Protein backbone atom coordinates (compact mmCIF):
# COMPACT_ATOMS: atom_id res chain seq x y z
CA UNK A 1 -51.38 63.20 -21.96
CA UNK A 2 -47.71 63.39 -19.31
CA UNK A 3 -50.53 63.33 -16.51
CA UNK A 4 -52.57 59.86 -18.03
CA UNK A 5 -49.44 58.04 -18.93
CA UNK A 6 -48.33 58.70 -14.88
CA UNK A 7 -52.09 57.49 -13.84
CA UNK A 8 -51.54 54.49 -15.79
CA UNK A 9 -48.27 53.72 -14.63
CA UNK A 10 -49.33 54.62 -10.70
CA UNK A 11 -52.16 51.73 -11.73
CA UNK A 12 -49.85 49.07 -12.73
CA UNK A 13 -47.92 49.34 -9.84
CA UNK A 14 -50.76 49.34 -7.67
CA UNK A 15 -52.08 46.24 -9.41
CA UNK A 16 -48.53 44.83 -9.63
CA UNK A 17 -48.18 45.62 -5.38
CA UNK A 18 -51.78 43.39 -4.69
CA UNK A 19 -50.23 40.41 -7.08
CA UNK A 20 -51.90 37.18 -6.10
CA UNK A 21 -50.55 33.93 -7.29
CA UNK A 22 -49.33 29.86 -6.26
CA UNK A 23 -45.87 29.58 -4.72
CA UNK A 24 -44.48 27.91 -7.36
CA UNK A 25 -45.04 31.53 -9.38
CA UNK A 26 -44.08 33.35 -5.81
CA UNK A 27 -40.47 31.31 -6.21
CA UNK A 28 -39.95 32.34 -10.02
CA UNK A 29 -40.40 36.22 -8.84
CA UNK A 30 -37.72 35.80 -6.31
CA UNK A 31 -35.21 35.14 -8.76
CA UNK A 32 -31.89 33.67 -8.68
CA UNK A 33 -28.80 34.63 -7.57
CA UNK A 34 -26.68 34.90 -4.00
CA UNK A 35 -29.29 33.81 -1.87
CA UNK A 36 -29.88 30.52 -3.68
CA UNK A 37 -26.68 29.90 -4.42
CA UNK A 38 -25.22 30.59 -0.68
CA UNK A 39 -27.89 28.49 0.37
CA UNK A 40 -26.62 25.49 -1.34
CA UNK A 41 -23.47 25.63 0.02
CA UNK A 42 -24.78 25.80 3.30
CA UNK A 43 -26.86 22.32 2.27
CA UNK A 44 -23.66 21.39 0.71
CA UNK A 45 -21.79 21.62 3.66
CA UNK A 46 -24.62 19.94 5.91
CA UNK A 47 -23.65 17.02 3.29
CA UNK A 48 -19.79 17.32 3.73
CA UNK A 49 -20.41 16.44 7.04
CA UNK A 50 -22.81 13.47 6.85
CA UNK A 51 -19.94 12.17 4.68
CA UNK A 52 -17.19 12.79 7.43
CA UNK A 53 -19.12 11.67 9.93
CA UNK A 54 -20.13 8.45 8.23
CA UNK A 55 -17.12 7.25 6.57
CA UNK A 56 -14.78 8.81 8.76
CA UNK A 57 -14.37 5.34 11.28
CA UNK A 58 -12.72 4.00 7.91
CA UNK A 59 -9.51 6.15 9.03
CA UNK A 60 -10.32 5.80 12.86
CA UNK A 61 -10.54 2.04 13.27
CA UNK A 62 -7.53 1.68 11.97
CA UNK A 63 -5.38 3.61 13.95
CA UNK A 64 -7.78 2.95 16.99
CA UNK A 65 -6.96 -0.63 17.02
CA UNK A 66 -4.71 -1.13 19.51
CA UNK A 67 -6.29 1.04 22.06
CA UNK A 68 -9.32 -0.15 21.85
CA UNK A 69 -8.01 -4.12 21.48
CA UNK A 70 -10.12 -4.35 17.61
CA UNK A 71 -10.23 -7.60 15.46
CA UNK A 72 -10.89 -7.24 12.01
CA UNK A 73 -14.56 -8.98 12.24
CA UNK A 74 -15.54 -5.88 15.50
CA UNK A 75 -13.87 -3.52 12.92
CA UNK A 76 -16.46 -4.60 10.26
CA UNK A 77 -19.85 -4.15 12.22
CA UNK A 78 -18.29 -0.69 13.91
CA UNK A 79 -17.86 0.66 10.83
CA UNK A 80 -21.88 -0.51 9.98
CA UNK A 81 -23.04 1.44 12.57
CA UNK A 82 -23.64 4.67 11.02
CA UNK A 83 -25.52 2.63 8.14
CA UNK A 84 -28.03 0.67 10.75
CA UNK A 85 -28.36 4.25 12.72
CA UNK A 86 -29.75 5.35 9.75
CA UNK A 87 -32.09 2.50 8.54
CA UNK A 88 -33.52 2.67 12.01
CA UNK A 89 -34.20 6.28 12.07
CA UNK A 90 -34.73 8.00 8.73
CA UNK A 91 -38.66 7.32 8.38
CA UNK A 92 -38.68 9.07 11.92
CA UNK A 93 -36.70 11.90 10.93
CA UNK A 94 -38.40 12.56 7.85
CA UNK A 95 -42.06 11.92 9.37
CA UNK A 96 -41.22 14.35 12.24
CA UNK A 97 -39.49 17.03 9.82
CA UNK A 98 -42.77 17.07 7.98
CA UNK A 99 -44.80 17.70 10.89
CA UNK A 100 -42.49 20.08 13.01
CA UNK A 101 -40.41 21.37 9.89
CA UNK A 102 -36.67 20.93 8.07
CA UNK A 103 -34.86 23.67 10.39
CA UNK A 104 -35.76 22.57 13.79
CA UNK A 105 -34.77 19.04 12.93
CA UNK A 106 -32.09 19.32 11.48
CA UNK A 107 -30.68 22.04 13.94
CA UNK A 108 -31.72 19.94 16.63
CA UNK A 109 -30.23 16.48 15.36
CA UNK A 110 -26.65 18.08 14.02
CA UNK A 111 -26.27 19.33 17.15
CA UNK A 112 -26.91 16.26 19.07
CA UNK A 113 -24.70 14.71 16.47
CA UNK A 114 -21.76 17.10 17.32
CA UNK A 115 -21.69 16.44 21.24
CA UNK A 116 -22.13 12.46 20.89
CA UNK A 117 -18.61 12.46 18.51
CA UNK A 118 -16.88 14.68 21.09
CA UNK A 119 -17.90 12.26 23.98
CA UNK A 120 -17.17 9.27 21.51
CA UNK A 121 -13.77 10.18 21.41
CA UNK A 122 -13.35 9.97 24.84
CA UNK A 123 -14.94 6.30 25.16
CA UNK A 124 -12.59 4.21 27.17
CA UNK A 125 -13.65 0.80 25.57
CA UNK A 126 -15.21 -1.15 22.44
CA UNK A 127 -19.02 -0.98 23.81
CA UNK A 128 -18.92 2.75 25.25
CA UNK A 129 -17.40 3.82 21.68
CA UNK A 130 -19.80 2.46 20.07
CA UNK A 131 -23.01 3.30 22.16
CA UNK A 132 -21.92 6.75 21.40
CA UNK A 133 -21.04 6.21 18.03
CA UNK A 134 -24.49 4.73 17.28
CA UNK A 135 -26.07 7.84 19.19
CA UNK A 136 -24.31 9.98 16.74
CA UNK A 137 -25.27 8.38 14.02
CA UNK A 138 -28.91 8.78 15.01
CA UNK A 139 -28.58 12.37 15.61
CA UNK A 140 -26.48 12.66 12.47
CA UNK A 141 -29.69 10.54 10.68
CA UNK A 142 -32.34 13.91 11.21
CA UNK A 143 -29.95 15.72 8.63
CA UNK A 144 -29.37 12.86 5.77
CA UNK A 145 -33.13 12.31 5.50
CA UNK A 146 -34.01 16.11 5.32
CA UNK A 147 -30.90 18.16 3.81
CA UNK A 148 -32.34 17.10 0.01
CA UNK A 149 -35.43 18.25 0.76
CA UNK A 150 -34.21 21.66 2.79
CA UNK A 151 -32.18 22.37 -0.41
CA UNK A 152 -34.62 21.85 -3.19
CA UNK A 153 -37.28 23.49 -1.40
CA UNK A 154 -35.61 27.34 -1.79
CA UNK A 155 -35.14 26.99 -5.81
CA UNK A 156 -37.49 27.65 -8.35
CA UNK A 157 -38.50 24.78 -10.67
CA UNK A 158 -36.30 25.95 -13.14
CA UNK A 159 -33.21 26.00 -11.11
CA UNK A 160 -34.46 22.98 -8.54
CA UNK A 161 -32.53 20.05 -9.98
CA UNK A 162 -29.10 22.10 -11.23
CA UNK A 163 -29.10 23.35 -7.41
CA UNK A 164 -29.33 19.76 -5.92
CA UNK A 165 -26.83 18.34 -8.29
CA UNK A 166 -24.51 21.01 -7.47
CA UNK A 167 -24.67 20.43 -3.58
CA UNK A 168 -24.92 16.63 -4.07
CA UNK A 169 -21.24 17.11 -5.29
CA UNK A 170 -20.49 18.22 -1.76
CA UNK A 171 -20.77 14.10 -1.15
CA UNK A 172 -17.51 13.86 -3.96
CA UNK A 173 -15.71 16.78 -2.34
CA UNK A 174 -16.07 14.96 1.14
CA UNK A 175 -14.14 11.99 0.19
CA UNK A 176 -11.38 14.19 -0.47
CA UNK A 177 -11.36 16.13 3.02
CA UNK A 178 -11.38 13.34 4.91
CA UNK A 179 -8.02 11.63 4.09
CA UNK A 180 -6.86 15.30 3.85
CA UNK A 181 -8.00 15.88 7.95
CA UNK A 182 -6.65 12.30 8.69
CA UNK A 183 -3.46 12.88 6.94
CA UNK A 184 -3.10 16.28 9.05
CA UNK A 185 -3.87 14.69 12.22
CA UNK A 186 -3.05 10.77 11.92
CA UNK A 187 0.47 11.02 11.84
CA UNK A 188 1.09 12.90 14.97
CA UNK A 189 2.78 11.17 17.78
CA UNK A 190 0.83 12.53 21.02
CA UNK A 191 -0.55 10.96 23.84
CA UNK A 192 -2.47 12.68 26.28
CA UNK A 193 -3.52 10.57 29.54
CA UNK A 194 -6.57 11.48 31.01
CA UNK A 195 -6.56 9.34 34.56
CA UNK A 196 -9.87 9.28 35.64
CA UNK A 197 -11.22 7.66 32.59
CA UNK A 198 -7.89 5.37 32.19
CA UNK A 199 -7.72 6.74 28.81
CA UNK A 200 -4.16 8.67 26.36
CA UNK A 201 -6.11 10.84 24.00
CA UNK A 202 -4.01 10.28 20.61
CA UNK A 203 -4.26 11.56 17.15
CA UNK A 204 -7.29 9.58 16.31
CA UNK A 205 -9.43 10.74 19.03
CA UNK A 206 -8.81 13.85 17.73
CA UNK A 207 -9.71 12.76 14.14
CA UNK A 208 -13.01 11.80 15.34
CA UNK A 209 -13.45 15.90 16.55
CA UNK A 210 -12.28 17.17 13.58
CA UNK A 211 -14.82 15.26 11.18
CA UNK A 212 -17.69 17.11 13.40
CA UNK A 213 -16.42 20.57 12.72
CA UNK A 214 -18.01 20.90 9.27
CA UNK A 215 -21.56 19.68 10.83
CA UNK A 216 -20.51 21.76 13.76
CA UNK A 217 -20.29 25.07 11.45
CA UNK A 218 -22.79 24.75 9.17
CA UNK A 219 -25.56 23.91 12.43
CA UNK A 220 -24.27 27.39 13.47
CA UNK A 221 -25.24 29.23 9.97
CA UNK A 222 -27.97 26.56 9.91
CA UNK A 223 -29.33 28.79 13.48
CA UNK A 224 -29.76 32.05 11.41
CA UNK A 225 -31.67 30.48 8.25
CA UNK A 226 -35.27 30.83 7.73
CA UNK A 227 -37.59 27.30 7.38
CA UNK A 228 -38.20 26.34 4.64
CA UNK A 229 -41.40 28.32 2.48
CA UNK A 230 -42.74 25.37 0.82
CA UNK A 231 -42.98 23.96 4.56
CA UNK A 232 -44.26 27.28 6.10
CA UNK A 233 -47.24 27.53 3.18
CA UNK A 234 -48.21 23.65 3.82
CA UNK A 235 -48.27 24.32 6.96
CA UNK A 236 -50.54 27.66 6.75
CA UNK A 237 -48.08 29.66 7.74
CA UNK A 238 -48.23 31.67 4.96
CA UNK A 239 -47.13 35.23 6.35
CA UNK A 240 -43.89 33.65 7.91
CA UNK A 241 -43.56 32.37 4.07
CA UNK A 242 -43.73 35.47 2.39
CA UNK A 243 -41.28 36.57 5.32
CA UNK A 244 -38.86 34.39 3.76
CA UNK A 245 -39.74 34.78 -0.24
CA UNK A 246 -39.33 38.48 0.21
CA UNK A 247 -35.85 37.76 2.09
CA UNK A 248 -34.61 35.87 -0.74
CA UNK A 249 -36.10 38.76 -3.45
CA UNK A 250 -33.92 41.07 -1.80
CA UNK A 251 -30.83 38.96 -2.13
CA UNK A 252 -31.03 37.97 -5.48
CA UNK A 253 -32.32 41.38 -6.59
CA UNK A 254 -30.06 43.32 -4.91
CA UNK A 255 -33.63 45.59 -3.79
CA UNK A 256 -35.68 46.38 -0.78
CA UNK A 257 -37.89 43.78 0.56
CA UNK A 258 -40.99 45.98 0.51
CA UNK A 259 -40.22 45.79 -3.58
CA UNK A 260 -41.21 42.49 -3.52
CA UNK A 261 -44.77 42.31 -5.90
CA UNK A 262 -46.03 38.91 -4.29
CA UNK A 263 -48.68 40.25 -1.48
CA UNK A 264 -50.46 37.23 -0.74
CA UNK A 265 -50.57 33.41 -1.78
CA UNK A 266 -53.11 31.27 -3.67
CA UNK A 267 -54.33 28.59 -1.34
CA UNK A 268 -54.28 25.39 -2.44
CA UNK A 269 -56.00 22.30 -1.53
CA UNK A 270 -53.61 19.83 0.30
CA UNK A 271 -53.68 17.77 3.15
CA UNK A 272 -53.21 19.45 6.25
CA UNK A 273 -49.85 18.87 8.47
CA UNK A 274 -51.84 17.73 11.73
CA UNK A 275 -49.64 14.89 13.34
CA UNK A 276 -51.54 11.39 12.79
CA UNK A 277 -51.69 8.82 14.92
CA UNK A 278 -49.43 5.91 15.34
CA UNK A 279 -51.69 4.02 13.77
CA UNK A 280 -52.78 6.07 10.70
CA UNK A 281 -48.98 6.77 9.77
CA UNK A 282 -49.09 3.06 9.89
CA UNK A 283 -51.40 2.42 7.71
CA UNK A 284 -50.59 4.71 5.37
CA UNK A 285 -46.98 3.87 5.09
CA UNK A 286 -48.45 0.33 4.44
CA UNK A 287 -50.73 1.95 1.61
CA UNK A 288 -47.99 3.21 -0.08
CA UNK A 289 -45.71 -0.03 0.53
CA UNK A 290 -47.83 -3.07 -0.83
CA UNK A 291 -48.49 -1.87 -4.39
CA UNK A 292 -44.78 -1.76 -4.97
CA UNK A 293 -44.77 -5.88 -4.02
CA UNK A 294 -47.69 -6.36 -6.67
CA UNK A 295 -47.57 -6.71 -10.41
CA UNK A 296 -46.89 -4.44 -12.37
CA UNK A 297 -44.36 -2.95 -9.98
CA UNK A 298 -43.36 -5.86 -8.61
CA UNK A 299 -40.60 -6.42 -11.01
CA UNK A 300 -39.31 -2.38 -10.98
CA UNK A 301 -39.01 -2.67 -7.12
CA UNK A 302 -36.95 -6.04 -6.80
CA UNK A 303 -34.41 -4.83 -9.54
CA UNK A 304 -33.94 -0.83 -7.47
CA UNK A 305 -33.77 -2.58 -4.62
CA UNK A 306 -30.79 -5.21 -5.72
CA UNK A 307 -28.96 -2.79 -7.80
CA UNK A 308 -28.97 -0.44 -4.84
CA UNK A 309 -27.89 -2.53 -3.01
CA UNK A 310 -25.26 -4.32 -4.25
CA UNK A 311 -23.93 -0.77 -5.61
CA UNK A 312 -23.77 0.39 -2.04
CA UNK A 313 -22.44 -2.72 -0.58
CA UNK A 314 -19.63 -2.46 -2.63
CA UNK A 315 -18.55 0.93 -2.74
CA UNK A 316 -19.73 1.93 1.16
CA UNK A 317 -18.25 -1.36 2.05
CA UNK A 318 -14.87 -1.13 0.43
CA UNK A 319 -14.46 2.13 1.23
CA UNK A 320 -14.39 1.48 4.78
CA UNK A 321 -11.66 -0.98 4.47
CA UNK A 322 -9.83 1.16 2.08
CA UNK A 323 -7.59 3.07 4.14
CA UNK A 324 -6.59 -0.47 5.98
CA UNK A 325 -5.68 -2.26 2.29
CA UNK A 326 -4.05 1.08 0.78
CA UNK A 327 -2.07 0.96 4.03
CA UNK A 328 -1.12 -2.52 3.97
CA UNK A 329 0.24 -1.79 0.27
CA UNK A 330 2.16 1.15 1.48
CA UNK A 331 4.21 -0.72 4.11
CA UNK A 332 4.83 -3.77 1.78
CA UNK A 333 7.83 -2.73 -0.02
CA UNK A 334 7.44 -5.56 -2.89
CA UNK A 335 5.57 -3.76 -6.10
CA UNK A 336 5.07 -7.02 -8.03
CA UNK A 337 2.11 -8.82 -5.73
CA UNK A 338 -1.08 -9.40 -6.01
CA UNK A 339 -3.30 -7.51 -3.41
CA UNK A 340 -4.47 -10.23 -1.49
CA UNK A 341 -0.98 -11.85 -1.26
CA UNK A 342 0.18 -8.84 0.45
CA UNK A 343 -2.77 -8.46 3.06
CA UNK A 344 -1.95 -12.41 3.36
CA UNK A 345 1.76 -11.62 4.09
CA UNK A 346 1.31 -9.15 6.74
CA UNK A 347 -0.92 -11.76 8.61
CA UNK A 348 0.99 -14.42 8.57
CA UNK A 349 4.24 -11.55 9.38
CA UNK A 350 2.11 -10.76 12.59
CA UNK A 351 1.38 -14.85 13.64
CA UNK A 352 4.35 -15.60 13.03
CA UNK A 353 6.26 -13.25 15.72
CA UNK A 354 6.65 -15.04 18.73
CA UNK A 355 5.49 -11.47 20.36
CA UNK A 356 3.38 -9.45 19.42
CA UNK A 357 3.34 -5.82 18.91
CA UNK A 358 -0.01 -4.17 17.87
CA UNK A 359 0.93 -1.62 15.20
CA UNK A 360 -1.38 1.33 14.57
CA UNK A 361 0.48 3.83 12.50
CA UNK A 362 -0.96 5.02 8.90
CA UNK A 363 1.55 5.38 6.19
CA UNK A 364 1.66 8.93 4.42
CA UNK A 365 0.81 7.11 1.29
CA UNK A 366 -2.51 5.73 1.89
CA UNK A 367 -3.51 9.45 2.50
CA UNK A 368 -2.36 10.84 -0.52
CA UNK A 369 -3.41 7.67 -3.11
CA UNK A 370 -7.16 8.00 -0.82
CA UNK A 371 -6.81 11.82 -1.81
CA UNK A 372 -6.24 10.74 -5.89
CA UNK A 373 -9.47 8.71 -5.94
CA UNK A 374 -11.73 11.05 -4.08
CA UNK A 375 -10.94 13.49 -7.28
CA UNK A 376 -11.18 11.10 -9.63
CA UNK A 377 -14.22 10.15 -7.48
CA UNK A 378 -15.83 14.06 -8.17
CA UNK A 379 -14.77 14.02 -11.77
CA UNK A 380 -16.75 10.42 -12.20
CA UNK A 381 -20.14 12.81 -11.05
CA UNK A 382 -19.23 15.57 -13.22
CA UNK A 383 -18.70 12.87 -16.42
CA UNK A 384 -21.83 11.81 -16.03
CA UNK A 385 -23.43 14.69 -15.05
CA UNK A 386 -22.60 16.24 -18.88
CA UNK A 387 -23.08 12.89 -20.84
CA UNK A 388 -26.47 12.17 -19.24
CA UNK A 389 -28.38 14.03 -22.02
CA UNK A 390 -26.49 12.71 -24.67
CA UNK A 391 -26.41 9.06 -23.99
CA UNK A 392 -29.19 8.06 -21.60
CA UNK A 393 -29.31 6.79 -18.36
CA UNK A 394 -29.59 3.20 -19.15
CA UNK A 395 -26.29 3.39 -21.27
CA UNK A 396 -24.69 4.70 -19.01
CA UNK A 397 -25.51 2.48 -16.04
CA UNK A 398 -24.63 -0.70 -17.65
CA UNK A 399 -21.54 0.58 -18.83
CA UNK A 400 -20.28 1.85 -15.37
CA UNK A 401 -21.24 -0.87 -13.55
CA UNK A 402 -19.89 -3.65 -16.19
CA UNK A 403 -16.27 -1.94 -16.52
CA UNK A 404 -16.38 -1.06 -12.34
CA UNK A 405 -17.48 -5.12 -11.88
CA UNK A 406 -14.54 -6.56 -14.12
CA UNK A 407 -11.87 -3.79 -12.87
CA UNK A 408 -12.95 -5.29 -9.32
CA UNK A 409 -12.74 -8.99 -10.09
CA UNK A 410 -9.34 -7.63 -12.24
CA UNK A 411 -7.70 -5.86 -8.66
CA UNK A 412 -6.90 -9.22 -6.95
CA UNK A 413 -5.76 -10.67 -10.25
CA UNK A 414 -3.37 -7.70 -10.99
CA UNK A 415 0.22 -8.89 -10.50
CA UNK A 416 1.38 -4.97 -10.62
CA UNK A 417 0.46 -3.01 -7.15
CA UNK A 418 0.08 -0.02 -8.84
CA UNK A 419 -2.18 -1.44 -11.53
CA UNK A 420 -4.04 -3.11 -8.66
CA UNK A 421 -4.45 0.16 -7.14
CA UNK A 422 -5.53 1.71 -10.24
CA UNK A 423 -7.98 -1.32 -10.91
CA UNK A 424 -9.28 -0.68 -7.35
CA UNK A 425 -10.06 3.17 -7.48
CA UNK A 426 -11.97 2.37 -10.57
CA UNK A 427 -13.63 -0.31 -8.90
CA UNK A 428 -15.22 2.10 -6.60
CA UNK A 429 -16.37 4.20 -9.35
CA UNK A 430 -19.83 2.38 -9.17
CA UNK A 431 -20.91 4.16 -6.36
CA UNK A 432 -21.45 7.36 -9.02
CA UNK A 433 -24.55 5.09 -10.32
CA UNK A 434 -26.53 5.71 -7.04
CA UNK A 435 -27.88 8.94 -8.03
CA UNK A 436 -28.25 7.93 -11.53
CA UNK A 437 -30.20 4.90 -10.21
CA UNK A 438 -32.59 7.17 -8.36
CA UNK A 439 -33.31 9.34 -11.20
CA UNK A 440 -34.22 6.31 -12.95
CA UNK A 441 -36.38 5.50 -10.10
CA UNK A 442 -38.38 8.55 -10.99
CA UNK A 443 -39.34 7.34 -14.03
CA UNK A 444 -39.83 3.58 -13.54
CA UNK A 445 -42.87 4.04 -10.68
CA UNK A 446 -45.71 6.24 -10.89
CA UNK A 447 -46.13 9.67 -8.64
CA UNK A 448 -48.08 8.36 -6.30
CA UNK A 449 -45.57 5.66 -4.83
CA UNK A 450 -42.48 6.98 -6.11
CA UNK A 451 -41.01 8.83 -3.03
CA UNK A 452 -41.95 4.97 -1.42
CA UNK A 453 -40.20 3.51 -3.83
CA UNK A 454 -36.71 5.46 -4.09
CA UNK A 455 -36.81 5.14 -0.25
CA UNK A 456 -37.35 1.49 0.17
CA UNK A 457 -33.95 1.42 -2.74
CA UNK A 458 -32.27 3.91 -0.74
CA UNK A 459 -33.10 1.73 2.43
CA UNK A 460 -32.22 -1.46 0.80
CA UNK A 461 -28.67 0.18 -0.01
CA UNK A 462 -27.80 0.64 3.10
CA UNK A 463 -28.78 -2.61 4.46
CA UNK A 464 -26.23 -3.50 1.71
CA UNK A 465 -23.90 -1.13 3.64
CA UNK A 466 -23.82 -2.87 6.68
CA UNK A 467 -23.67 -6.17 5.10
CA UNK A 468 -20.44 -5.04 2.79
CA UNK A 469 -18.50 -4.09 5.45
CA UNK A 470 -19.44 -7.16 7.85
CA UNK A 471 -18.85 -9.32 4.94
CA UNK A 472 -15.71 -7.69 4.15
CA UNK A 473 -13.89 -8.06 6.87
CA UNK A 474 -14.65 -11.34 7.48
CA UNK A 475 -13.26 -12.21 3.98
CA UNK A 476 -10.11 -10.30 4.66
CA UNK A 477 -9.44 -12.54 7.75
CA UNK A 478 -10.37 -15.64 5.87
CA UNK A 479 -10.37 -15.54 2.03
CA UNK A 480 -9.19 -11.85 0.57
CA UNK A 481 -9.92 -12.82 -3.07
CA UNK A 482 -13.75 -14.22 -2.19
CA UNK A 483 -14.11 -10.75 -1.45
CA UNK A 484 -13.18 -8.81 -5.29
CA UNK A 485 -14.41 -11.75 -6.80
CA UNK A 486 -18.04 -11.92 -5.20
CA UNK A 487 -18.82 -7.97 -5.09
CA UNK A 488 -17.02 -7.86 -8.78
CA UNK A 489 -19.94 -10.28 -9.73
CA UNK A 490 -22.55 -8.87 -7.91
CA UNK A 491 -21.78 -5.15 -9.86
CA UNK A 492 -22.07 -7.06 -13.12
CA UNK A 493 -25.13 -8.89 -12.29
CA UNK A 494 -26.23 -4.99 -11.29
CA UNK A 495 -25.25 -4.13 -14.99
CA UNK A 496 -27.00 -7.65 -16.67
CA UNK A 497 -30.35 -6.30 -14.82
CA UNK A 498 -30.18 -2.40 -15.82
CA UNK A 499 -30.48 -4.27 -19.37
CA UNK A 500 -33.87 -5.19 -18.54
CA UNK A 501 -34.67 -1.14 -18.20
CA UNK A 502 -36.75 0.19 -20.70
CA UNK A 503 -35.12 2.92 -23.29
CA UNK A 504 -37.07 6.16 -21.60
CA UNK A 505 -37.66 8.35 -24.86
CA UNK A 506 -38.74 5.44 -26.85
CA UNK A 507 -41.10 4.29 -24.41
CA UNK A 508 -42.55 7.89 -24.12
CA UNK A 509 -43.03 7.99 -27.51
CA UNK A 510 -44.89 4.79 -28.14
CA UNK A 511 -47.17 5.48 -25.23
CA UNK A 512 -49.86 7.86 -25.82
CA UNK A 513 -52.48 6.34 -24.39
CA UNK A 514 -55.94 7.96 -22.63
CA UNK A 515 -56.00 6.56 -19.05
CA UNK A 516 -55.47 8.84 -16.24
CA UNK A 517 -52.11 9.67 -14.92
CA UNK A 518 -53.16 8.22 -11.64
CA UNK A 519 -53.55 4.75 -12.90
CA UNK A 520 -50.36 2.42 -12.21
CA UNK A 521 -48.37 3.31 -15.22
CA UNK A 522 -44.97 1.96 -14.86
CA UNK A 523 -43.16 4.14 -17.29
CA UNK A 524 -44.85 7.50 -16.18
CA UNK A 525 -43.14 10.62 -18.03
CA UNK A 526 -40.84 12.61 -15.54
């Protein structure tokens, strides 16, 4: 009897050892644990590096205005450079990652972005600085386009959304780290002359390098990380894919990799990852884009693009000028004046001086307030994450956008400086709706066109970042109040448009149709 049980157990072990499953089943068998958390932290560090690179110019340009002889409009278009680079190159990096692999594309782009950032810190004039910052942003766009995919493909279906959400929280952490790093570096008054370049190496140049440090550290860590198992599987490299899955299993289960029960993967039908000709690429992109601009998808495409344009233009557009505005408020003694009155008074005092002295000092109160606002921004992400299942995405979008839009208008009307700063901070919280709007887009568009719809709306958002940063710079120079009234009104319009979104639960229950899911359902269940 004992021998029979032993032979039965041996048979089961042998059967288990010869297990052949799909990739999703194989990912589930790797479990969840230390490996997934470590990989999420690596991806989060990359995302934080992206934010630091994207938004660092908001702190660098006020401190560099004397050395580079910058006007407000020039600072506006310089701050828009990272967004322009992402718009121009994100499609290319995404296509390259699908054909060459996630890890090599990210590693290559990150290393060169760090190198260009270091070179930009030695730029002697505005032209060279703009060119080097643009090149740095071009390579930074490589990881921007791929990191979410790379993060998600290392987790099974059960834990994927959660780990992507936790990784995304590093975006909010970056808005706290950035003013913290700036606070540590910018107040130092050192000047190291570099004669052959004709420059003095000052604190703002060091800040550019410091903001590239997370990228440098994450590129070293990425060097030791494996390729995405999903990419390896899709490109037919099943043995390499199994090797990665075994390493995930060994770390998560604290067991030898040879104990991983999967010995082969089921080959599923998929289009090969061969590199298509440029004409085929353009033709494929055209076929995926045109239906978005035809009924019944046209209204949702227009709504998604406009809302993302408005949110990006407001949050990123104002964030670029956030340090400048806060610095003017901190340097002004009066607390019973409106924001724009203080900014206009600061400009008037400069114009009235016989000898104009360039002042690029940053008040420490600017960094302190920025950190507080960054913490509030992080908390907003958490609050939205907790309540979204209770009240629904539509209700949160309408409520948050309405409140933040009104606070944007009220920020310039408030006669007390402290109240104005609080309203201004709440105004920036509209940025927490960006991810929520992407989640809504997943429900609005059918699977076949979903990825292109989200890419298109995010591209319009980045266009909004460019337009916003330049318009706000122009308004601060000519008509400060118009910037608050215009962008506050845009956010309110976005809230009104979100009222037209379908009630998801009601739509799903009402639409028990027998049509094929490949058809153009505009409210396809997730």
